Amino acid sequence: MKKMLEVRKDFSLKAYNTFGIEAKCKYFVEAEDEGELAEFVAGYEWNPLEVLVLGGGSNFLFTGDFEGTVFYPAMQGIEVVEEDVESVSVRVGAGVVWDDFVAWTVAQGYGGVENLSLIPGHVGAAPVQNVGAYGMEAGETIAEVEAIDLEKGGRVRIAAGECRFAYRDSAFKREWKNRFIITRVVFRLAKHPQFRLDYGSVRSEVERLGGEVTLAKVREAVIRIREAKLPDVKVLPSAGSYFKNPVVAQELAERLESQYPGMPVYPLGEGRCKLAAGWLIEQCGWKGKTLGRAGVYEKQALVLVNRGGADGTDISRLANEIRKSVFLRFGVWIEPEVNVV
């Protein structure tokens, strides 16, 4: 008889979230094989309020125990499934560490995710969050998502066009929230990459490395930039960037720019602009500040950290105080990138 997946009860999630918050879930189901997982959920009575799909835990803030079932897809493996002269399709397990995948693509000479180096978390979270950094987003390279549909109880393949990727957003975060357990992601990568160097200090950092621009040098430059301004979550627990950069009407952006010369503004077209949330927070005096056991990282105002012993309420309270002060000064609401549970 085939072994059933183990269901663990009253399971601690402290090691499964990068904030290091102590929280428990009622049931915890870890799966490395999608066939076994599909069989397990075939008769599962799905309630989106009682289900949480968790990967590397780098984008979650637990404000209490979760009175439901946590599914933890741990599928491994990276395989080339199709290729032509220009590109290659790579199928990756949801449980693969994201940065390990990026390192693999660079070693193979495949372009498309090199600017996303050192982003914490697992591959399965990439389509949910549409992870992005330095002018590049995962959704641009995702061709297909393989998942288990908890509502219908079967395995499905979802084309990228159906995922509705947007800035740090997708259908998986909205109308499909906690409906699909992503098991594998297929990426379409370039054999002749076009480098993206004109965001932040990427170009200047690459130039410091000298010589010809390569995928390896872009990756090294991004890693250097990230390590210089972001904490190691194993030393100082955090979830990376806590807030999204707000998108506002061009009229508001221009008005603020006239009031605050030097304010970073990124035109998006169609009468919209993106503002730098970190800059807004820093102008409000939060950089390096601490509120109780939670704080704002001294090198990057976008990052909230657990100074030691903080719970989810401490972090959430700090985030809300920051949001209020930014709104009162700039008239702009900044939204969390992190999922608050």
C-alpha atoms as a PDB file:
ATOM      1  CA  MET A   1       0.000   0.000   0.000  1.00  0.00           C
ATOM      2  CA  LYS A   2       1.263   3.466  -0.918  1.00  0.00           C
ATOM      3  CA  LYS A   3       2.365   5.535   2.059  1.00  0.00           C
ATOM      4  CA  MET A   4       0.057   8.434   2.792  1.00  0.00           C
ATOM      5  CA  LEU A   5       1.448  11.868   3.450  1.00  0.00           C
ATOM      6  CA  GLU A   6       2.024  12.576   7.118  1.00  0.00           C
ATOM      7  CA  VAL A   7      -0.243  15.177   8.705  1.00  0.00           C
ATOM      8  CA  ARG A   8       1.462  16.844  11.656  1.00  0.00           C
ATOM      9  CA  LYS A   9      -0.705  18.514  14.278  1.00  0.00           C
ATOM     10  CA  ASP A  10      -0.064  21.701  16.278  1.00  0.00           C
ATOM     11  CA  PHE A  11       3.071  22.262  14.233  1.00  0.00           C
ATOM     12  CA  SER A  12       5.493  25.128  14.950  1.00  0.00           C
ATOM     13  CA  LEU A  13       6.081  27.485  12.022  1.00  0.00           C
ATOM     14  CA  LYS A  14       8.970  29.401  13.593  1.00  0.00           C
ATOM     15  CA  ALA A  15      11.526  27.747  11.304  1.00  0.00           C
ATOM     16  CA  TYR A  16       9.246  28.292   8.296  1.00  0.00           C
ATOM     17  CA  ASN A  17       9.087  32.106   8.337  1.00  0.00           C
ATOM     18  CA  THR A  18      12.093  34.401   7.980  1.00  0.00           C
ATOM     19  CA  PHE A  19      10.770  36.831  10.611  1.00  0.00           C
ATOM     20  CA  GLY A  20      11.377  34.021  13.106  1.00  0.00           C
ATOM     21  CA  ILE A  21       7.908  34.475  14.610  1.00  0.00           C
ATOM     22  CA  GLU A  22       6.664  31.755  16.915  1.00  0.00           C
ATOM     23  CA  ALA A  23       3.296  30.572  15.600  1.00  0.00           C
ATOM     24  CA  LYS A  24       1.606  27.219  15.166  1.00  0.00           C
ATOM     25  CA  CYS A  25      -0.757  25.751  12.624  1.00  0.00           C
ATOM     26  CA  LYS A  26      -3.446  23.195  13.352  1.00  0.00           C
ATOM     27  CA  TYR A  27      -2.218  20.827  10.622  1.00  0.00           C
ATOM     28  CA  PHE A  28       0.986  20.777   8.530  1.00  0.00           C
ATOM     29  CA  VAL A  29       1.335  18.773   5.318  1.00  0.00           C
ATOM     30  CA  GLU A  30       4.708  18.596   3.570  1.00  0.00           C
ATOM     31  CA  ALA A  31       4.940  16.949   0.141  1.00  0.00           C
ATOM     32  CA  GLU A  32       7.828  16.211  -2.215  1.00  0.00           C
ATOM     33  CA  ASP A  33       5.768  14.321  -4.799  1.00  0.00           C
ATOM     34  CA  GLU A  34       2.868  16.002  -6.602  1.00  0.00           C
ATOM     35  CA  GLY A  35       1.175  12.673  -7.305  1.00  0.00           C
ATOM     36  CA  GLU A  36       0.979  11.859  -3.610  1.00  0.00           C
ATOM     37  CA  LEU A  37      -0.201  15.366  -2.827  1.00  0.00           C
ATOM     38  CA  ALA A  38      -2.889  15.233  -5.511  1.00  0.00           C
ATOM     39  CA  GLU A  39      -4.101  11.919  -4.111  1.00  0.00           C
ATOM     40  CA  PHE A  40      -4.165  13.392  -0.613  1.00  0.00           C
ATOM     41  CA  VAL A  41      -6.275  16.419  -1.586  1.00  0.00           C
ATOM     42  CA  ALA A  42      -8.618  14.520  -3.932  1.00  0.00           C
ATOM     43  CA  GLY A  43     -11.221  14.266  -1.205  1.00  0.00           C
ATOM     44  CA  TYR A  44     -10.178  17.389   0.622  1.00  0.00           C
ATOM     45  CA  GLU A  45     -12.963  19.764   1.610  1.00  0.00           C
ATOM     46  CA  TRP A  46     -11.447  23.067   0.570  1.00  0.00           C
ATOM     47  CA  ASN A  47     -12.080  26.257   2.496  1.00  0.00           C
ATOM     48  CA  PRO A  48      -9.758  29.133   1.474  1.00  0.00           C
ATOM     49  CA  LEU A  49      -9.919  30.604   4.973  1.00  0.00           C
ATOM     50  CA  GLU A  50      -8.623  27.374   6.473  1.00  0.00           C
ATOM     51  CA  VAL A  51      -5.743  26.775   4.039  1.00  0.00           C
ATOM     52  CA  LEU A  52      -2.319  28.363   3.715  1.00  0.00           C
ATOM     53  CA  VAL A  53       0.281  27.444   1.106  1.00  0.00           C
ATOM     54  CA  LEU A  54       3.743  28.141   2.486  1.00  0.00           C
ATOM     55  CA  GLY A  55       7.093  28.085   0.718  1.00  0.00           C
ATOM     56  CA  GLY A  56      10.295  29.591   2.069  1.00  0.00           C
ATOM     57  CA  GLY A  57       8.270  31.799   4.406  1.00  0.00           C
ATOM     58  CA  SER A  58      10.122  34.924   3.299  1.00  0.00           C
ATOM     59  CA  ASN A  59       6.956  36.838   2.568  1.00  0.00           C
ATOM     60  CA  PHE A  60       4.771  36.030   5.574  1.00  0.00           C
ATOM     61  CA  LEU A  61       4.067  37.711   8.878  1.00  0.00           C
ATOM     62  CA  PHE A  62       2.197  35.585  11.397  1.00  0.00           C
ATOM     63  CA  THR A  63       0.249  37.661  13.907  1.00  0.00           C
ATOM     64  CA  GLY A  64      -1.040  34.565  15.704  1.00  0.00           C
ATOM     65  CA  ASP A  65      -1.552  30.841  15.319  1.00  0.00           C
ATOM     66  CA  PHE A  66      -3.138  29.593  12.094  1.00  0.00           C
ATOM     67  CA  GLU A  67      -6.237  27.538  12.839  1.00  0.00           C
ATOM     68  CA  GLY A  68      -6.124  25.557   9.620  1.00  0.00           C
ATOM     69  CA  THR A  69      -3.937  23.449   7.322  1.00  0.00           C
ATOM     70  CA  VAL A  70      -0.572  24.599   6.008  1.00  0.00           C
ATOM     71  CA  PHE A  71       0.557  22.919   2.793  1.00  0.00           C
ATOM     72  CA  TYR A  72       4.319  22.974   2.226  1.00  0.00           C
ATOM     73  CA  PRO A  73       5.257  21.914  -1.334  1.00  0.00           C
ATOM     74  CA  ALA A  74       8.878  20.703  -1.308  1.00  0.00           C
ATOM     75  CA  MET A  75       9.263  19.415  -4.888  1.00  0.00           C
ATOM     76  CA  GLN A  76      12.865  19.448  -6.103  1.00  0.00           C
ATOM     77  CA  GLY A  77      14.632  19.272  -9.456  1.00  0.00           C
ATOM     78  CA  ILE A  78      15.650  21.478 -12.365  1.00  0.00           C
ATOM     79  CA  GLU A  79      15.285  20.089 -15.901  1.00  0.00           C
ATOM     80  CA  VAL A  80      15.415  21.432 -19.432  1.00  0.00           C
ATOM     81  CA  VAL A  81      12.187  20.410 -21.190  1.00  0.00           C
ATOM     82  CA  GLU A  82      12.472  22.276 -24.498  1.00  0.00           C
ATOM     83  CA  GLU A  83      14.943  24.464 -26.347  1.00  0.00           C
ATOM     84  CA  ASP A  84      15.659  26.163 -29.637  1.00  0.00           C
ATOM     85  CA  VAL A  85      18.371  28.469 -30.978  1.00  0.00           C
ATOM     86  CA  GLU A  86      17.161  31.479 -28.985  1.00  0.00           C
ATOM     87  CA  SER A  87      15.707  30.116 -25.760  1.00  0.00           C
ATOM     88  CA  VAL A  88      15.285  27.227 -23.363  1.00  0.00           C
ATOM     89  CA  SER A  89      12.364  26.062 -21.218  1.00  0.00           C
ATOM     90  CA  VAL A  90      13.303  24.933 -17.724  1.00  0.00           C
ATOM     91  CA  ARG A  91      10.962  23.097 -15.326  1.00  0.00           C
ATOM     92  CA  VAL A  92      11.736  23.727 -11.669  1.00  0.00           C
ATOM     93  CA  GLY A  93      10.353  22.199  -8.474  1.00  0.00           C
ATOM     94  CA  ALA A  94       8.434  24.524  -6.173  1.00  0.00           C
ATOM     95  CA  GLY A  95      10.673  23.617  -3.231  1.00  0.00           C
ATOM     96  CA  VAL A  96      13.919  24.623  -4.944  1.00  0.00           C
ATOM     97  CA  VAL A  97      15.560  27.598  -3.208  1.00  0.00           C
ATOM     98  CA  TRP A  98      15.066  30.580  -5.535  1.00  0.00           C
ATOM     99  CA  ASP A  99      18.664  31.773  -5.428  1.00  0.00           C
ATOM    100  CA  ASP A 100      19.944  28.254  -6.134  1.00  0.00           C
ATOM    101  CA  PHE A 101      17.846  28.308  -9.309  1.00  0.00           C
ATOM    102  CA  VAL A 102      19.193  31.741 -10.286  1.00  0.00           C
ATOM    103  CA  ALA A 103      22.757  30.523  -9.720  1.00  0.00           C
ATOM    104  CA  TRP A 104      22.043  27.501 -11.935  1.00  0.00           C
ATOM    105  CA  THR A 105      20.694  29.648 -14.788  1.00  0.00           C
ATOM    106  CA  VAL A 106      23.777  31.882 -14.686  1.00  0.00           C
ATOM    107  CA  ALA A 107      26.098  28.865 -14.674  1.00  0.00           C
ATOM    108  CA  GLN A 108      24.283  27.500 -17.746  1.00  0.00           C
ATOM    109  CA  GLY A 109      24.444  30.852 -19.547  1.00  0.00           C
ATOM    110  CA  TYR A 110      20.669  31.355 -19.553  1.00  0.00           C
ATOM    111  CA  GLY A 111      19.416  34.918 -19.041  1.00  0.00           C
ATOM    112  CA  GLY A 112      16.212  36.296 -17.610  1.00  0.00           C
ATOM    113  CA  VAL A 113      16.427  36.059 -13.823  1.00  0.00           C
ATOM    114  CA  GLU A 114      19.999  37.159 -13.020  1.00  0.00           C
ATOM    115  CA  ASN A 115      18.833  40.506 -11.594  1.00  0.00           C
ATOM    116  CA  LEU A 116      16.713  38.525  -9.130  1.00  0.00           C
ATOM    117  CA  SER A 117      19.763  37.073  -7.386  1.00  0.00           C
ATOM    118  CA  LEU A 118      19.713  36.616  -3.603  1.00  0.00           C
ATOM    119  CA  ILE A 119      15.952  37.120  -3.272  1.00  0.00           C
ATOM    120  CA  PRO A 120      14.934  34.813  -0.393  1.00  0.00           C
ATOM    121  CA  GLY A 121      12.300  32.110  -0.696  1.00  0.00           C
ATOM    122  CA  HIS A 122      11.406  29.172  -2.916  1.00  0.00           C
ATOM    123  CA  VAL A 123      10.623  28.913  -6.628  1.00  0.00           C
ATOM    124  CA  GLY A 124       6.966  28.105  -5.906  1.00  0.00           C
ATOM    125  CA  ALA A 125       6.444  31.606  -4.501  1.00  0.00           C
ATOM    126  CA  ALA A 126       7.780  33.363  -7.607  1.00  0.00           C
ATOM    127  CA  PRO A 127       4.496  33.258  -9.568  1.00  0.00           C
ATOM    128  CA  VAL A 128       2.457  34.220  -6.500  1.00  0.00           C
ATOM    129  CA  GLN A 129       4.451  37.319  -5.634  1.00  0.00           C
ATOM    130  CA  ASN A 130       5.747  37.947  -9.158  1.00  0.00           C
ATOM    131  CA  VAL A 131       9.071  38.587  -7.453  1.00  0.00           C
ATOM    132  CA  GLY A 132      11.082  41.403  -8.930  1.00  0.00           C
ATOM    133  CA  ALA A 133      14.180  43.535  -8.453  1.00  0.00           C
ATOM    134  CA  TYR A 134      16.411  45.900 -10.404  1.00  0.00           C
ATOM    135  CA  GLY A 135      14.133  46.244 -13.422  1.00  0.00           C
ATOM    136  CA  MET A 136      13.312  42.541 -13.812  1.00  0.00           C
ATOM    137  CA  GLU A 137      10.279  40.446 -12.809  1.00  0.00           C
ATOM    138  CA  ALA A 138       9.847  36.680 -12.627  1.00  0.00           C
ATOM    139  CA  GLY A 139       6.563  36.888 -14.524  1.00  0.00           C
ATOM    140  CA  GLU A 140       8.403  37.986 -17.652  1.00  0.00           C
ATOM    141  CA  THR A 141      10.092  34.589 -17.914  1.00  0.00           C
ATOM    142  CA  ILE A 142       7.380  32.284 -16.533  1.00  0.00           C
ATOM    143  CA  ALA A 143       5.767  30.223 -19.301  1.00  0.00           C
ATOM    144  CA  GLU A 144       3.578  27.904 -17.252  1.00  0.00           C
ATOM    145  CA  VAL A 145       2.683  27.011 -13.684  1.00  0.00           C
ATOM    146  CA  GLU A 146       1.913  23.458 -12.585  1.00  0.00           C
ATOM    147  CA  ALA A 147      -0.323  23.182  -9.555  1.00  0.00           C
ATOM    148  CA  ILE A 148      -2.903  21.212  -7.637  1.00  0.00           C
ATOM    149  CA  ASP A 149      -6.338  22.780  -7.580  1.00  0.00           C
ATOM    150  CA  LEU A 150      -7.706  22.457  -4.048  1.00  0.00           C
ATOM    151  CA  GLU A 151     -11.168  23.489  -5.184  1.00  0.00           C
ATOM    152  CA  LYS A 152     -11.468  20.799  -7.863  1.00  0.00           C
ATOM    153  CA  GLY A 153      -8.999  18.324  -6.444  1.00  0.00           C
ATOM    154  CA  GLY A 154      -6.831  17.711  -9.512  1.00  0.00           C
ATOM    155  CA  ARG A 155      -3.536  18.627 -11.133  1.00  0.00           C
ATOM    156  CA  VAL A 156      -3.608  21.575 -13.529  1.00  0.00           C
ATOM    157  CA  ARG A 157      -1.280  23.505 -15.836  1.00  0.00           C
ATOM    158  CA  ILE A 158      -1.815  27.252 -15.932  1.00  0.00           C
ATOM    159  CA  ALA A 159      -0.425  29.336 -18.795  1.00  0.00           C
ATOM    160  CA  ALA A 160       1.390  32.533 -17.849  1.00  0.00           C
ATOM    161  CA  GLY A 161      -1.262  34.647 -19.569  1.00  0.00           C
ATOM    162  CA  GLU A 162      -3.882  33.388 -17.112  1.00  0.00           C
ATOM    163  CA  CYS A 163      -1.810  34.321 -14.052  1.00  0.00           C
ATOM    164  CA  ARG A 164      -2.397  38.081 -14.500  1.00  0.00           C
ATOM    165  CA  PHE A 165       1.060  39.116 -13.441  1.00  0.00           C
ATOM    166  CA  ALA A 166       1.391  42.710 -12.271  1.00  0.00           C
ATOM    167  CA  TYR A 167       3.778  44.627 -10.034  1.00  0.00           C
ATOM    168  CA  ARG A 168       4.394  42.255  -7.070  1.00  0.00           C
ATOM    169  CA  ASP A 169       1.021  40.733  -7.819  1.00  0.00           C
ATOM    170  CA  SER A 170      -0.796  37.888  -9.566  1.00  0.00           C
ATOM    171  CA  ALA A 171      -4.125  36.073  -9.605  1.00  0.00           C
ATOM    172  CA  PHE A 172      -2.630  33.700  -7.036  1.00  0.00           C
ATOM    173  CA  LYS A 173      -2.602  36.566  -4.507  1.00  0.00           C
ATOM    174  CA  ARG A 174      -6.117  37.720  -5.304  1.00  0.00           C
ATOM    175  CA  GLU A 175      -8.987  35.692  -6.738  1.00  0.00           C
ATOM    176  CA  TRP A 176      -7.027  32.406  -6.534  1.00  0.00           C
ATOM    177  CA  LYS A 177      -5.649  32.998  -3.057  1.00  0.00           C
ATOM    178  CA  ASN A 178      -4.901  29.677  -1.318  1.00  0.00           C
ATOM    179  CA  ARG A 179      -6.745  27.752  -4.033  1.00  0.00           C
ATOM    180  CA  PHE A 180      -3.697  26.348  -5.834  1.00  0.00           C
ATOM    181  CA  ILE A 181      -0.670  24.522  -4.454  1.00  0.00           C
ATOM    182  CA  ILE A 182       2.062  25.341  -6.960  1.00  0.00           C
ATOM    183  CA  THR A 183       4.239  22.260  -7.527  1.00  0.00           C
ATOM    184  CA  ARG A 184       6.479  23.252 -10.458  1.00  0.00           C
ATOM    185  CA  VAL A 185       7.169  26.332 -12.584  1.00  0.00           C
ATOM    186  CA  VAL A 186       8.315  26.388 -16.213  1.00  0.00           C
ATOM    187  CA  PHE A 187      10.562  29.314 -17.152  1.00  0.00           C
ATOM    188  CA  ARG A 188      11.487  30.448 -20.673  1.00  0.00           C
ATOM    189  CA  LEU A 189      15.047  31.769 -20.552  1.00  0.00           C
ATOM    190  CA  ALA A 190      17.227  33.436 -23.182  1.00  0.00           C
ATOM    191  CA  LYS A 191      20.367  31.887 -24.639  1.00  0.00           C
ATOM    192  CA  HIS A 192      21.481  35.339 -25.805  1.00  0.00           C
ATOM    193  CA  PRO A 193      20.532  37.522 -22.833  1.00  0.00           C
ATOM    194  CA  GLN A 194      19.831  41.227 -22.994  1.00  0.00           C
ATOM    195  CA  PHE A 195      21.327  42.747 -19.855  1.00  0.00           C
ATOM    196  CA  ARG A 196      19.337  45.187 -17.745  1.00  0.00           C
ATOM    197  CA  LEU A 197      21.747  47.488 -15.999  1.00  0.00           C
ATOM    198  CA  ASP A 198      19.905  50.795 -15.761  1.00  0.00           C
ATOM    199  CA  TYR A 199      18.107  50.306 -12.463  1.00  0.00           C
ATOM    200  CA  GLY A 200      19.593  51.407  -9.164  1.00  0.00           C
ATOM    201  CA  SER A 201      23.364  51.070  -9.031  1.00  0.00           C
ATOM    202  CA  VAL A 202      23.594  47.865 -11.080  1.00  0.00           C
ATOM    203  CA  ARG A 203      25.546  49.392 -13.976  1.00  0.00           C
ATOM    204  CA  SER A 204      28.092  51.154 -11.771  1.00  0.00           C
ATOM    205  CA  GLU A 205      28.613  48.003  -9.711  1.00  0.00           C
ATOM    206  CA  VAL A 206      29.128  45.922 -12.875  1.00  0.00           C
ATOM    207  CA  GLU A 207      31.606  48.502 -14.157  1.00  0.00           C
ATOM    208  CA  ARG A 208      33.555  48.220 -10.903  1.00  0.00           C
ATOM    209  CA  LEU A 209      34.019  44.531 -11.642  1.00  0.00           C
ATOM    210  CA  GLY A 210      35.626  45.471 -14.974  1.00  0.00           C
ATOM    211  CA  GLY A 211      35.831  43.755 -18.335  1.00  0.00           C
ATOM    212  CA  GLU A 212      33.018  42.376 -20.461  1.00  0.00           C
ATOM    213  CA  VAL A 213      29.477  42.345 -19.083  1.00  0.00           C
ATOM    214  CA  THR A 214      28.412  38.767 -18.339  1.00  0.00           C
ATOM    215  CA  LEU A 215      25.582  37.046 -16.493  1.00  0.00           C
ATOM    216  CA  ALA A 216      27.992  36.107 -13.730  1.00  0.00           C
ATOM    217  CA  LYS A 217      29.099  39.723 -13.279  1.00  0.00           C
ATOM    218  CA  VAL A 218      25.521  40.998 -13.204  1.00  0.00           C
ATOM    219  CA  ARG A 219      24.680  38.377 -10.576  1.00  0.00           C
ATOM    220  CA  GLU A 220      27.748  39.282  -8.520  1.00  0.00           C
ATOM    221  CA  ALA A 221      26.913  42.993  -8.761  1.00  0.00           C
ATOM    222  CA  VAL A 222      23.322  42.421  -7.597  1.00  0.00           C
ATOM    223  CA  ILE A 223      24.498  40.239  -4.720  1.00  0.00           C
ATOM    224  CA  ARG A 224      26.966  42.926  -3.614  1.00  0.00           C
ATOM    225  CA  ILE A 225      24.254  45.598  -3.714  1.00  0.00           C
ATOM    226  CA  ARG A 226      21.756  43.470  -1.799  1.00  0.00           C
ATOM    227  CA  GLU A 227      24.266  42.353   0.825  1.00  0.00           C
ATOM    228  CA  ALA A 228      25.294  45.971   1.415  1.00  0.00           C
ATOM    229  CA  LYS A 229      21.785  47.123   2.271  1.00  0.00           C
ATOM    230  CA  LEU A 230      19.767  44.050   3.319  1.00  0.00           C
ATOM    231  CA  PRO A 231      20.248  41.988   6.478  1.00  0.00           C
ATOM    232  CA  ASP A 232      21.020  38.287   6.525  1.00  0.00           C
ATOM    233  CA  VAL A 233      17.743  36.840   7.810  1.00  0.00           C
ATOM    234  CA  LYS A 234      19.662  34.145   9.703  1.00  0.00           C
ATOM    235  CA  VAL A 235      21.315  36.887  11.768  1.00  0.00           C
ATOM    236  CA  LEU A 236      18.600  39.550  11.856  1.00  0.00           C
ATOM    237  CA  PRO A 237      15.159  38.098  11.039  1.00  0.00           C
ATOM    238  CA  SER A 238      13.132  39.983   8.422  1.00  0.00           C
ATOM    239  CA  ALA A 239      11.053  39.401   5.312  1.00  0.00           C
ATOM    240  CA  GLY A 240      13.165  41.525   2.993  1.00  0.00           C
ATOM    241  CA  SER A 241      11.260  44.496   1.589  1.00  0.00           C
ATOM    242  CA  TYR A 242       8.118  44.855   3.699  1.00  0.00           C
ATOM    243  CA  PHE A 243       6.393  47.481   1.538  1.00  0.00           C
ATOM    244  CA  LYS A 244       5.612  47.811  -2.161  1.00  0.00           C
ATOM    245  CA  ASN A 245       6.713  50.901  -4.045  1.00  0.00           C
ATOM    246  CA  PRO A 246       3.456  52.864  -4.471  1.00  0.00           C
ATOM    247  CA  VAL A 247       2.063  53.580  -7.934  1.00  0.00           C
ATOM    248  CA  VAL A 248       0.346  56.973  -8.110  1.00  0.00           C
ATOM    249  CA  ALA A 249      -1.156  59.329 -10.663  1.00  0.00           C
ATOM    250  CA  GLN A 250       1.416  61.304 -12.631  1.00  0.00           C
ATOM    251  CA  GLU A 251      -0.180  64.553 -11.450  1.00  0.00           C
ATOM    252  CA  LEU A 252       0.441  63.659  -7.796  1.00  0.00           C
ATOM    253  CA  ALA A 253       3.975  62.499  -8.549  1.00  0.00           C
ATOM    254  CA  GLU A 254       4.797  65.784 -10.291  1.00  0.00           C
ATOM    255  CA  ARG A 255       3.320  67.800  -7.426  1.00  0.00           C
ATOM    256  CA  LEU A 256       5.383  65.897  -4.864  1.00  0.00           C
ATOM    257  CA  GLU A 257       8.494  66.168  -7.011  1.00  0.00           C
ATOM    258  CA  SER A 258       8.117  69.950  -7.082  1.00  0.00           C
ATOM    259  CA  GLN A 259       7.775  70.000  -3.291  1.00  0.00           C
ATOM    260  CA  TYR A 260      10.646  67.567  -2.704  1.00  0.00           C
ATOM    261  CA  PRO A 261      13.389  68.058  -5.309  1.00  0.00           C
ATOM    262  CA  GLY A 262      15.421  64.892  -5.721  1.00  0.00           C
ATOM    263  CA  MET A 263      12.541  62.579  -4.865  1.00  0.00           C
ATOM    264  CA  PRO A 264      12.867  59.376  -6.946  1.00  0.00           C
ATOM    265  CA  VAL A 265      10.047  59.109  -9.506  1.00  0.00           C
ATOM    266  CA  TYR A 266       9.762  56.342 -12.124  1.00  0.00           C
ATOM    267  CA  PRO A 267       7.302  57.068 -14.992  1.00  0.00           C
ATOM    268  CA  LEU A 268       5.264  54.015 -15.970  1.00  0.00           C
ATOM    269  CA  GLY A 269       3.228  55.508 -18.802  1.00  0.00           C
ATOM    270  CA  GLU A 270      -0.543  55.822 -19.044  1.00  0.00           C
ATOM    271  CA  GLY A 271      -0.486  58.687 -16.552  1.00  0.00           C
ATOM    272  CA  ARG A 272       1.065  56.685 -13.703  1.00  0.00           C
ATOM    273  CA  CYS A 273       4.357  56.854 -11.826  1.00  0.00           C
ATOM    274  CA  LYS A 274       6.066  54.658  -9.259  1.00  0.00           C
ATOM    275  CA  LEU A 275       7.524  56.220  -6.118  1.00  0.00           C
ATOM    276  CA  ALA A 276      10.268  54.788  -3.900  1.00  0.00           C
ATOM    277  CA  ALA A 277       8.652  53.610  -0.658  1.00  0.00           C
ATOM    278  CA  GLY A 278      12.038  53.402   1.043  1.00  0.00           C
ATOM    279  CA  TRP A 279      12.711  57.077   0.304  1.00  0.00           C
ATOM    280  CA  LEU A 280       9.281  58.123   1.612  1.00  0.00           C
ATOM    281  CA  ILE A 281       9.802  56.141   4.836  1.00  0.00           C
ATOM    282  CA  GLU A 282      13.291  57.543   5.326  1.00  0.00           C
ATOM    283  CA  GLN A 283      12.018  61.117   4.913  1.00  0.00           C
ATOM    284  CA  CYS A 284       9.606  60.443   7.769  1.00  0.00           C
ATOM    285  CA  GLY A 285      12.541  59.618  10.023  1.00  0.00           C
ATOM    286  CA  TRP A 286      11.960  55.897  10.441  1.00  0.00           C
ATOM    287  CA  LYS A 287      15.250  54.525   9.132  1.00  0.00           C
ATOM    288  CA  GLY A 288      17.071  52.742  11.965  1.00  0.00           C
ATOM    289  CA  LYS A 289      14.275  53.398  14.472  1.00  0.00           C
ATOM    290  CA  THR A 290      12.906  50.786  16.859  1.00  0.00           C
ATOM    291  CA  LEU A 291       9.410  50.408  18.270  1.00  0.00           C
ATOM    292  CA  GLY A 292       9.320  47.838  21.035  1.00  0.00           C
ATOM    293  CA  ARG A 293      10.990  44.676  19.752  1.00  0.00           C
ATOM    294  CA  ALA A 294      10.521  45.556  16.074  1.00  0.00           C
ATOM    295  CA  GLY A 295      12.593  47.975  14.060  1.00  0.00           C
ATOM    296  CA  VAL A 296      13.437  49.523  10.695  1.00  0.00           C
ATOM    297  CA  TYR A 297      16.768  48.354   9.298  1.00  0.00           C
ATOM    298  CA  GLU A 298      19.418  51.062   9.492  1.00  0.00           C
ATOM    299  CA  LYS A 299      20.680  50.460   5.928  1.00  0.00           C
ATOM    300  CA  GLN A 300      17.323  50.163   4.124  1.00  0.00           C
ATOM    301  CA  ALA A 301      14.067  51.750   5.289  1.00  0.00           C
ATOM    302  CA  LEU A 302      11.963  49.248   3.323  1.00  0.00           C
ATOM    303  CA  VAL A 303      13.059  46.448   5.627  1.00  0.00           C
ATOM    304  CA  LEU A 304      11.386  45.767   8.971  1.00  0.00           C
ATOM    305  CA  VAL A 305      13.316  43.528  11.356  1.00  0.00           C
ATOM    306  CA  ASN A 306      12.759  41.423  14.435  1.00  0.00           C
ATOM    307  CA  ARG A 307      15.192  42.855  17.005  1.00  0.00           C
ATOM    308  CA  GLY A 308      14.700  39.776  19.163  1.00  0.00           C
ATOM    309  CA  GLY A 309      11.586  38.198  20.615  1.00  0.00           C
ATOM    310  CA  ALA A 310       9.129  40.240  18.550  1.00  0.00           C
ATOM    311  CA  ASP A 311       5.780  38.725  17.679  1.00  0.00           C
ATOM    312  CA  GLY A 312       3.703  39.446  14.614  1.00  0.00           C
ATOM    313  CA  THR A 313       1.712  42.120  16.400  1.00  0.00           C
ATOM    314  CA  ASP A 314       4.907  44.067  17.155  1.00  0.00           C
ATOM    315  CA  ILE A 315       5.910  44.058  13.487  1.00  0.00           C
ATOM    316  CA  SER A 316       2.388  44.885  12.325  1.00  0.00           C
ATOM    317  CA  ARG A 317       2.088  47.792  14.769  1.00  0.00           C
ATOM    318  CA  LEU A 318       5.352  49.266  13.500  1.00  0.00           C
ATOM    319  CA  ALA A 319       4.230  48.852   9.873  1.00  0.00           C
ATOM    320  CA  ASN A 320       0.956  50.650  10.573  1.00  0.00           C
ATOM    321  CA  GLU A 321       2.719  53.574  12.283  1.00  0.00           C
ATOM    322  CA  ILE A 322       5.016  53.918   9.275  1.00  0.00           C
ATOM    323  CA  ARG A 323       2.082  53.836   6.842  1.00  0.00           C
ATOM    324  CA  LYS A 324       0.251  56.545   8.775  1.00  0.00           C
ATOM    325  CA  SER A 325       3.249  58.870   8.920  1.00  0.00           C
ATOM    326  CA  VAL A 326       3.931  58.496   5.181  1.00  0.00           C
ATOM    327  CA  PHE A 327       0.301  59.261   4.398  1.00  0.00           C
ATOM    328  CA  LEU A 328       0.191  62.305   6.660  1.00  0.00           C
ATOM    329  CA  ARG A 329       3.303  63.780   5.062  1.00  0.00           C
ATOM    330  CA  PHE A 330       2.919  62.782   1.402  1.00  0.00           C
ATOM    331  CA  GLY A 331      -0.753  61.837   0.953  1.00  0.00           C
ATOM    332  CA  VAL A 332       0.308  58.384  -0.266  1.00  0.00           C
ATOM    333  CA  TRP A 333      -0.674  55.046   1.251  1.00  0.00           C
ATOM    334  CA  ILE A 334       2.082  52.448   1.048  1.00  0.00           C
ATOM    335  CA  GLU A 335       0.926  48.827   1.004  1.00  0.00           C
ATOM    336  CA  PRO A 336       2.652  45.775   2.486  1.00  0.00           C
ATOM    337  CA  GLU A 337       4.315  43.358   0.103  1.00  0.00           C
ATOM    338  CA  VAL A 338       4.287  40.802   2.915  1.00  0.00           C
ATOM    339  CA  ASN A 339       1.266  38.558   3.507  1.00  0.00           C
ATOM    340  CA  VAL A 340      -0.080  39.222   7.005  1.00  0.00           C
ATOM    341  CA  VAL A 341      -1.752  36.120   8.452  1.00  0.00           C
END
